[in-house]
Amino acid sequence: MDWLWWVGGALVLGVIETLTVDLTFLMFAGGALGAAVTAALGGPFWLQVVVFALVSTLLLVLVRPWAKRHLRATTPDMRTNAEALVGREAVALTVVDAHGGRVRLGGEEWSARLADPDPARSGPQEARLATGAQVRVVAIDGAVAVVQPV
């Protein structure tokens, strides 16, 4: 009946792995299953512990690095939400300067401001983009699209 405890431990470790997603507890679960097999074959408790430690260590050292590399390589580099808007083009709906303006971005109207205003300019000579100008989003700052001319 010792093997049942090891299988139960493996299940608990598997649940913990689903919460952490680091592939560490999964390797310990594999060690617990190895110990369960040892217990089912009638091995003494000390041998079960040795098998658990040995299998867990081998899985951590040999399998985990390979599995992590494989998972990282197959996960697409997807940008989502505001991050996905960076690099897209938009159209100025109002005059856009360093203080504000409005642009149409991806079918939506966004608050916008001009990126990197020239510090040498000030007052009426300040850089601005006219209505209808094509702009490119260089960053999203909260709910404001930071743009520059295309």
N, C-alpha and C. Protein backbone atom coordinates (compact mmCIF):
# COMPACT_ATOMS: atom_id res chain seq x y z
N MET A 1 0.79 -1.20 0.00
CA MET A 1 0.00 0.00 0.00
C MET A 1 0.84 1.27 0.00
N ASP A 2 2.17 1.14 0.19
CA ASP A 2 3.03 2.32 0.16
C ASP A 2 2.98 3.02 -1.19
N TRP A 3 2.81 2.23 -2.24
CA TRP A 3 2.80 2.81 -3.58
C TRP A 3 1.66 3.82 -3.75
N LEU A 4 0.54 3.60 -3.04
CA LEU A 4 -0.58 4.53 -3.13
C LEU A 4 -0.21 5.91 -2.59
N TRP A 5 0.58 5.95 -1.52
CA TRP A 5 1.03 7.23 -0.96
C TRP A 5 1.91 7.96 -1.96
N TRP A 6 2.76 7.22 -2.63
CA TRP A 6 3.64 7.84 -3.62
C TRP A 6 2.83 8.39 -4.81
N VAL A 7 1.83 7.64 -5.26
CA VAL A 7 0.97 8.11 -6.35
C VAL A 7 0.19 9.35 -5.91
N GLY A 8 -0.30 9.34 -4.68
CA GLY A 8 -0.99 10.52 -4.14
C GLY A 8 -0.07 11.72 -4.10
N GLY A 9 1.17 11.49 -3.67
CA GLY A 9 2.16 12.58 -3.65
C GLY A 9 2.44 13.10 -5.04
N ALA A 10 2.52 12.20 -6.01
CA ALA A 10 2.75 12.61 -7.40
C ALA A 10 1.59 13.47 -7.90
N LEU A 11 0.38 13.10 -7.55
CA LEU A 11 -0.79 13.90 -7.95
C LEU A 11 -0.76 15.29 -7.33
N VAL A 12 -0.43 15.36 -6.04
CA VAL A 12 -0.33 16.66 -5.37
C VAL A 12 0.76 17.51 -6.03
N LEU A 13 1.90 16.90 -6.31
CA LEU A 13 2.98 17.64 -6.98
C LEU A 13 2.56 18.09 -8.38
N GLY A 14 1.76 17.28 -9.06
CA GLY A 14 1.25 17.67 -10.37
C GLY A 14 0.33 18.87 -10.28
N VAL A 15 -0.50 18.92 -9.25
CA VAL A 15 -1.38 20.08 -9.05
C VAL A 15 -0.55 21.33 -8.76
N ILE A 16 0.45 21.18 -7.91
CA ILE A 16 1.32 22.32 -7.60
C ILE A 16 2.01 22.81 -8.88
N GLU A 17 2.41 21.88 -9.75
CA GLU A 17 3.05 22.25 -11.01
C GLU A 17 2.12 23.08 -11.88
N THR A 18 0.84 22.75 -11.90
CA THR A 18 -0.10 23.54 -12.71
C THR A 18 -0.22 24.97 -12.20
N LEU A 19 0.06 25.19 -10.93
CA LEU A 19 0.00 26.53 -10.37
C LEU A 19 1.29 27.32 -10.60
N THR A 20 2.42 26.63 -10.64
CA THR A 20 3.70 27.32 -10.79
C THR A 20 4.21 27.35 -12.23
N VAL A 21 3.93 26.32 -13.00
CA VAL A 21 4.35 26.19 -14.40
C VAL A 21 5.85 26.45 -14.55
N ASP A 22 6.65 25.78 -13.74
CA ASP A 22 8.10 25.95 -13.81
C ASP A 22 8.80 24.63 -14.15
N LEU A 23 8.06 23.56 -14.25
CA LEU A 23 8.55 22.22 -14.56
C LEU A 23 9.42 21.62 -13.46
N THR A 24 9.43 22.22 -12.28
CA THR A 24 10.21 21.67 -11.17
C THR A 24 9.40 20.59 -10.44
N PHE A 25 8.18 20.95 -10.06
CA PHE A 25 7.36 20.00 -9.31
C PHE A 25 6.96 18.82 -10.19
N LEU A 26 6.91 19.01 -11.49
CA LEU A 26 6.62 17.90 -12.39
C LEU A 26 7.74 16.87 -12.34
N MET A 27 8.99 17.32 -12.21
CA MET A 27 10.12 16.39 -12.11
C MET A 27 10.06 15.62 -10.78
N PHE A 28 9.65 16.31 -9.71
CA PHE A 28 9.48 15.61 -8.42
C PHE A 28 8.33 14.61 -8.51
N ALA A 29 7.29 14.94 -9.26
CA ALA A 29 6.18 14.00 -9.45
C ALA A 29 6.67 12.75 -10.18
N GLY A 30 7.57 12.94 -11.14
CA GLY A 30 8.15 11.79 -11.83
C GLY A 30 8.96 10.93 -10.87
N GLY A 31 9.68 11.56 -9.96
CA GLY A 31 10.42 10.81 -8.94
C GLY A 31 9.49 10.04 -8.02
N ALA A 32 8.36 10.66 -7.68
CA ALA A 32 7.38 9.98 -6.82
C ALA A 32 6.78 8.77 -7.54
N LEU A 33 6.57 8.89 -8.84
CA LEU A 33 6.06 7.73 -9.59
C LEU A 33 7.09 6.61 -9.65
N GLY A 34 8.37 6.98 -9.78
CA GLY A 34 9.43 5.97 -9.73
C GLY A 34 9.45 5.25 -8.39
N ALA A 35 9.26 6.01 -7.31
CA ALA A 35 9.21 5.41 -5.97
C ALA A 35 7.97 4.54 -5.84
N ALA A 36 6.86 4.93 -6.47
CA ALA A 36 5.64 4.12 -6.42
C ALA A 36 5.85 2.77 -7.09
N VAL A 37 6.57 2.78 -8.21
CA VAL A 37 6.87 1.52 -8.90
C VAL A 37 7.75 0.65 -8.01
N THR A 38 8.74 1.25 -7.35
CA THR A 38 9.61 0.51 -6.45
C THR A 38 8.80 -0.11 -5.30
N ALA A 39 7.85 0.69 -4.76
CA ALA A 39 7.02 0.18 -3.66
C ALA A 39 6.11 -0.94 -4.15
N ALA A 40 5.57 -0.81 -5.35
CA ALA A 40 4.68 -1.85 -5.89
C ALA A 40 5.42 -3.15 -6.14
N LEU A 41 6.73 -3.05 -6.43
CA LEU A 41 7.53 -4.25 -6.65
C LEU A 41 8.05 -4.84 -5.34
N GLY A 42 7.69 -4.20 -4.21
CA GLY A 42 8.07 -4.75 -2.91
C GLY A 42 9.37 -4.22 -2.35
N GLY A 43 9.90 -3.15 -2.91
CA GLY A 43 11.16 -2.57 -2.40
C GLY A 43 10.97 -1.95 -1.03
N PRO A 44 12.02 -2.00 -0.18
CA PRO A 44 11.92 -1.40 1.15
C PRO A 44 11.82 0.13 1.05
N PHE A 45 11.39 0.74 2.16
CA PHE A 45 11.15 2.18 2.16
C PHE A 45 12.41 2.98 1.83
N TRP A 46 13.56 2.55 2.36
CA TRP A 46 14.80 3.29 2.09
C TRP A 46 15.11 3.28 0.59
N LEU A 47 14.82 2.18 -0.10
CA LEU A 47 15.05 2.09 -1.53
C LEU A 47 14.06 3.00 -2.29
N GLN A 48 12.84 3.07 -1.80
CA GLN A 48 11.85 3.96 -2.41
C GLN A 48 12.32 5.42 -2.36
N VAL A 49 12.86 5.81 -1.20
CA VAL A 49 13.36 7.18 -1.04
C VAL A 49 14.55 7.43 -1.96
N VAL A 50 15.45 6.45 -2.07
CA VAL A 50 16.62 6.58 -2.94
C VAL A 50 16.16 6.71 -4.40
N VAL A 51 15.20 5.87 -4.82
CA VAL A 51 14.69 5.95 -6.19
C VAL A 51 14.04 7.30 -6.43
N PHE A 52 13.25 7.78 -5.45
CA PHE A 52 12.63 9.10 -5.58
C PHE A 52 13.68 10.18 -5.79
N ALA A 53 14.70 10.18 -4.96
CA ALA A 53 15.75 11.20 -5.06
C ALA A 53 16.52 11.08 -6.36
N LEU A 54 16.87 9.87 -6.75
CA LEU A 54 17.64 9.66 -7.97
C LEU A 54 16.86 10.06 -9.22
N VAL A 55 15.62 9.58 -9.33
CA VAL A 55 14.81 9.90 -10.51
C VAL A 55 14.51 11.40 -10.56
N SER A 56 14.19 12.01 -9.43
CA SER A 56 13.91 13.45 -9.40
C SER A 56 15.13 14.24 -9.83
N THR A 57 16.31 13.88 -9.33
CA THR A 57 17.54 14.58 -9.70
C THR A 57 17.84 14.44 -11.18
N LEU A 58 17.72 13.21 -11.69
CA LEU A 58 17.98 13.00 -13.12
C LEU A 58 17.01 13.80 -13.99
N LEU A 59 15.74 13.81 -13.61
CA LEU A 59 14.77 14.58 -14.38
C LEU A 59 15.06 16.07 -14.31
N LEU A 60 15.42 16.57 -13.13
CA LEU A 60 15.74 18.00 -12.98
C LEU A 60 16.96 18.40 -13.79
N VAL A 61 17.97 17.53 -13.82
CA VAL A 61 19.23 17.86 -14.49
C VAL A 61 19.17 17.62 -16.00
N LEU A 62 18.52 16.54 -16.41
CA LEU A 62 18.55 16.17 -17.82
C LEU A 62 17.31 16.61 -18.61
N VAL A 63 16.13 16.43 -18.06
CA VAL A 63 14.91 16.66 -18.83
C VAL A 63 14.42 18.10 -18.71
N ARG A 64 14.45 18.68 -17.52
CA ARG A 64 13.88 20.02 -17.31
C ARG A 64 14.51 21.08 -18.21
N PRO A 65 15.86 21.18 -18.31
CA PRO A 65 16.42 22.22 -19.20
C PRO A 65 15.98 22.05 -20.66
N TRP A 66 15.96 20.81 -21.13
CA TRP A 66 15.53 20.55 -22.50
C TRP A 66 14.06 20.95 -22.68
N ALA A 67 13.21 20.58 -21.73
CA ALA A 67 11.78 20.88 -21.83
C ALA A 67 11.53 22.39 -21.79
N LYS A 68 12.26 23.11 -20.94
CA LYS A 68 12.09 24.57 -20.87
C LYS A 68 12.52 25.22 -22.18
N ARG A 69 13.63 24.78 -22.77
CA ARG A 69 14.07 25.32 -24.06
C ARG A 69 13.02 25.05 -25.14
N HIS A 70 12.51 23.83 -25.13
CA HIS A 70 11.51 23.44 -26.13
C HIS A 70 10.23 24.27 -25.98
N LEU A 71 9.78 24.48 -24.76
CA LEU A 71 8.57 25.28 -24.54
C LEU A 71 8.78 26.73 -24.95
N ARG A 72 9.95 27.28 -24.65
CA ARG A 72 10.25 28.66 -25.00
C ARG A 72 10.33 28.83 -26.52
N ALA A 73 10.88 27.82 -27.22
CA ALA A 73 11.04 27.91 -28.66
C ALA A 73 9.70 27.79 -29.39
N THR A 74 8.74 27.08 -28.82
CA THR A 74 7.47 26.89 -29.50
C THR A 74 6.43 27.94 -29.12
N THR A 75 6.72 28.77 -28.11
CA THR A 75 5.78 29.82 -27.73
C THR A 75 5.98 31.00 -28.65
N PRO A 76 4.94 31.40 -29.40
CA PRO A 76 5.11 32.53 -30.31
C PRO A 76 5.28 33.83 -29.53
N ASP A 77 6.04 34.75 -30.12
CA ASP A 77 6.26 36.05 -29.52
C ASP A 77 5.12 36.96 -29.96
N MET A 78 4.02 36.87 -29.23
CA MET A 78 2.84 37.63 -29.60
C MET A 78 2.73 38.88 -28.74
N ARG A 79 2.50 40.00 -29.42
CA ARG A 79 2.24 41.24 -28.70
C ARG A 79 0.74 41.41 -28.61
N THR A 80 0.27 41.81 -27.45
CA THR A 80 -1.17 41.95 -27.25
C THR A 80 -1.50 43.31 -26.67
N ASN A 81 -2.76 43.66 -26.73
CA ASN A 81 -3.31 44.88 -26.16
C ASN A 81 -2.55 46.10 -26.67
N ALA A 82 -2.19 47.02 -25.79
CA ALA A 82 -1.55 48.27 -26.20
C ALA A 82 -0.19 48.01 -26.84
N GLU A 83 0.51 46.97 -26.38
CA GLU A 83 1.82 46.65 -26.94
C GLU A 83 1.73 46.34 -28.44
N ALA A 84 0.61 45.79 -28.87
CA ALA A 84 0.42 45.43 -30.28
C ALA A 84 0.23 46.67 -31.17
N LEU A 85 -0.08 47.81 -30.57
CA LEU A 85 -0.31 49.03 -31.35
C LEU A 85 1.00 49.76 -31.70
N VAL A 86 2.05 49.49 -30.95
CA VAL A 86 3.33 50.15 -31.21
C VAL A 86 3.84 49.73 -32.58
N GLY A 87 4.19 50.73 -33.39
CA GLY A 87 4.69 50.47 -34.74
C GLY A 87 3.61 50.63 -35.81
N ARG A 88 2.34 50.70 -35.41
CA ARG A 88 1.26 50.86 -36.38
C ARG A 88 1.12 52.31 -36.81
N GLU A 89 0.55 52.50 -37.98
CA GLU A 89 0.31 53.85 -38.48
C GLU A 89 -1.07 54.32 -38.09
N ALA A 90 -1.22 55.65 -37.96
CA ALA A 90 -2.48 56.27 -37.59
C ALA A 90 -2.62 57.57 -38.37
N VAL A 91 -3.80 58.17 -38.28
CA VAL A 91 -4.07 59.44 -38.96
C VAL A 91 -4.46 60.46 -37.90
N ALA A 92 -3.87 61.65 -37.98
CA ALA A 92 -4.18 62.71 -37.03
C ALA A 92 -5.58 63.25 -37.31
N LEU A 93 -6.44 63.25 -36.31
CA LEU A 93 -7.79 63.80 -36.44
C LEU A 93 -7.83 65.27 -36.07
N THR A 94 -6.89 65.67 -35.21
CA THR A 94 -6.74 67.08 -34.83
C THR A 94 -5.25 67.41 -34.93
N VAL A 95 -4.92 68.64 -34.67
CA VAL A 95 -3.51 69.02 -34.61
C VAL A 95 -2.88 68.27 -33.44
N VAL A 96 -1.73 67.64 -33.67
CA VAL A 96 -1.04 66.88 -32.63
C VAL A 96 0.28 67.57 -32.32
N ASP A 97 0.50 67.89 -31.05
CA ASP A 97 1.77 68.47 -30.64
C ASP A 97 2.23 67.78 -29.36
N ALA A 98 3.22 68.34 -28.69
CA ALA A 98 3.77 67.71 -27.49
C ALA A 98 2.78 67.70 -26.34
N HIS A 99 1.72 68.53 -26.44
CA HIS A 99 0.75 68.62 -25.34
C HIS A 99 -0.47 67.76 -25.56
N GLY A 100 -0.74 67.36 -26.81
CA GLY A 100 -1.89 66.51 -27.03
C GLY A 100 -2.43 66.58 -28.44
N GLY A 101 -3.50 65.87 -28.67
CA GLY A 101 -4.17 65.79 -29.95
C GLY A 101 -4.95 64.48 -30.00
N ARG A 102 -5.56 64.22 -31.16
CA ARG A 102 -6.34 63.00 -31.34
C ARG A 102 -5.93 62.33 -32.64
N VAL A 103 -5.85 60.99 -32.62
CA VAL A 103 -5.52 60.22 -33.83
C VAL A 103 -6.51 59.07 -33.97
N ARG A 104 -6.68 58.59 -35.21
CA ARG A 104 -7.46 57.38 -35.47
C ARG A 104 -6.46 56.25 -35.61
N LEU A 105 -6.56 55.29 -34.68
CA LEU A 105 -5.61 54.19 -34.61
C LEU A 105 -6.39 52.89 -34.55
N GLY A 106 -6.24 52.07 -35.57
CA GLY A 106 -6.93 50.78 -35.59
C GLY A 106 -8.43 50.91 -35.50
N GLY A 107 -8.99 51.94 -36.14
CA GLY A 107 -10.44 52.13 -36.13
C GLY A 107 -10.97 52.80 -34.88
N GLU A 108 -10.10 53.17 -33.96
CA GLU A 108 -10.51 53.82 -32.73
C GLU A 108 -9.86 55.19 -32.62
N GLU A 109 -10.53 56.08 -31.89
CA GLU A 109 -9.98 57.41 -31.67
C GLU A 109 -9.18 57.39 -30.37
N TRP A 110 -7.94 57.83 -30.46
CA TRP A 110 -7.03 57.82 -29.32
C TRP A 110 -6.53 59.23 -29.02
N SER A 111 -6.28 59.50 -27.75
CA SER A 111 -5.53 60.69 -27.38
C SER A 111 -4.10 60.45 -27.81
N ALA A 112 -3.44 61.51 -28.25
CA ALA A 112 -2.06 61.34 -28.73
C ALA A 112 -1.23 62.56 -28.36
N ARG A 113 0.06 62.35 -28.37
CA ARG A 113 1.00 63.47 -28.24
C ARG A 113 2.22 63.15 -29.07
N LEU A 114 2.90 64.20 -29.46
CA LEU A 114 4.06 64.06 -30.32
C LEU A 114 5.26 63.56 -29.51
N ALA A 115 5.99 62.63 -30.06
CA ALA A 115 7.17 62.08 -29.37
C ALA A 115 8.35 63.01 -29.51
N ASP A 116 9.16 63.02 -28.49
CA ASP A 116 10.44 63.75 -28.50
C ASP A 116 10.33 65.14 -29.13
N PRO A 117 9.64 66.06 -28.49
CA PRO A 117 9.62 67.41 -29.02
C PRO A 117 11.01 68.01 -28.95
N ASP A 118 11.34 68.83 -29.89
CA ASP A 118 12.66 69.46 -29.95
C ASP A 118 12.77 70.48 -28.82
N PRO A 119 13.66 70.28 -27.84
CA PRO A 119 13.75 71.21 -26.71
C PRO A 119 14.23 72.60 -27.13
N ALA A 120 14.86 72.73 -28.29
CA ALA A 120 15.33 74.04 -28.74
C ALA A 120 14.17 74.92 -29.17
N ARG A 121 13.05 74.29 -29.55
CA ARG A 121 11.89 75.06 -29.97
C ARG A 121 10.98 75.29 -28.78
N SER A 122 10.35 76.42 -28.76
CA SER A 122 9.38 76.69 -27.71
C SER A 122 8.39 77.71 -28.22
N GLY A 123 7.29 77.88 -27.52
CA GLY A 123 6.29 78.86 -27.88
C GLY A 123 5.62 78.52 -29.19
N PRO A 124 5.37 79.54 -30.05
CA PRO A 124 4.62 79.32 -31.28
C PRO A 124 5.37 78.49 -32.31
N GLN A 125 6.69 78.34 -32.17
CA GLN A 125 7.48 77.57 -33.13
C GLN A 125 7.52 76.08 -32.80
N GLU A 126 6.79 75.68 -31.78
CA GLU A 126 6.80 74.30 -31.33
C GLU A 126 6.33 73.35 -32.44
N ALA A 127 6.91 72.14 -32.48
CA ALA A 127 6.57 71.16 -33.51
C ALA A 127 5.13 70.71 -33.36
N ARG A 128 4.42 70.60 -34.49
CA ARG A 128 3.05 70.12 -34.50
C ARG A 128 2.77 69.42 -35.81
N LEU A 129 1.83 68.52 -35.76
CA LEU A 129 1.39 67.80 -36.96
C LEU A 129 -0.02 68.25 -37.29
N ALA A 130 -0.27 68.50 -38.57
CA ALA A 130 -1.57 68.99 -39.01
C ALA A 130 -2.59 67.86 -39.04
N THR A 131 -3.85 68.25 -39.07
CA THR A 131 -4.95 67.29 -39.22
C THR A 131 -4.76 66.52 -40.53
N GLY A 132 -4.95 65.21 -40.47
CA GLY A 132 -4.80 64.35 -41.64
C GLY A 132 -3.39 63.81 -41.84
N ALA A 133 -2.44 64.23 -41.02
CA ALA A 133 -1.05 63.77 -41.16
C ALA A 133 -0.95 62.29 -40.79
N GLN A 134 -0.11 61.57 -41.52
CA GLN A 134 0.16 60.16 -41.22
C GLN A 134 1.21 60.12 -40.10
N VAL A 135 0.93 59.32 -39.08
CA VAL A 135 1.85 59.20 -37.95
C VAL A 135 2.08 57.73 -37.65
N ARG A 136 3.15 57.45 -36.93
CA ARG A 136 3.47 56.10 -36.48
C ARG A 136 3.53 56.12 -34.95
N VAL A 137 2.92 55.12 -34.34
CA VAL A 137 2.91 55.01 -32.88
C VAL A 137 4.27 54.46 -32.44
N VAL A 138 4.95 55.20 -31.56
CA VAL A 138 6.25 54.75 -31.06
C VAL A 138 6.15 54.22 -29.64
N ALA A 139 5.06 54.54 -28.93
CA ALA A 139 4.86 54.04 -27.57
C ALA A 139 3.42 54.29 -27.16
N ILE A 140 3.00 53.59 -26.13
CA ILE A 140 1.70 53.83 -25.51
C ILE A 140 2.00 54.22 -24.07
N ASP A 141 1.55 55.41 -23.69
CA ASP A 141 1.79 55.92 -22.34
C ASP A 141 0.43 56.03 -21.66
N GLY A 142 0.05 54.99 -20.93
CA GLY A 142 -1.29 54.95 -20.33
C GLY A 142 -2.33 54.80 -21.42
N ALA A 143 -3.16 55.84 -21.59
CA ALA A 143 -4.18 55.84 -22.63
C ALA A 143 -3.84 56.82 -23.74
N VAL A 144 -2.57 57.19 -23.84
CA VAL A 144 -2.13 58.17 -24.83
C VAL A 144 -1.14 57.48 -25.78
N ALA A 145 -1.41 57.64 -27.08
CA ALA A 145 -0.49 57.12 -28.10
C ALA A 145 0.58 58.17 -28.34
N VAL A 146 1.82 57.79 -28.17
CA VAL A 146 2.95 58.68 -28.44
C VAL A 146 3.34 58.44 -29.89
N VAL A 147 3.27 59.51 -30.72
CA VAL A 147 3.43 59.34 -32.16
C VAL A 147 4.55 60.21 -32.70
N GLN A 148 4.97 59.88 -33.91
CA GLN A 148 5.92 60.69 -34.66
C GLN A 148 5.49 60.66 -36.12
N PRO A 149 5.89 61.65 -36.90
CA PRO A 149 5.49 61.66 -38.30
C PRO A 149 6.08 60.46 -39.05
N VAL A 150 5.34 59.99 -40.06
CA VAL A 150 5.81 58.85 -40.85
C VAL A 150 6.89 59.34 -41.79
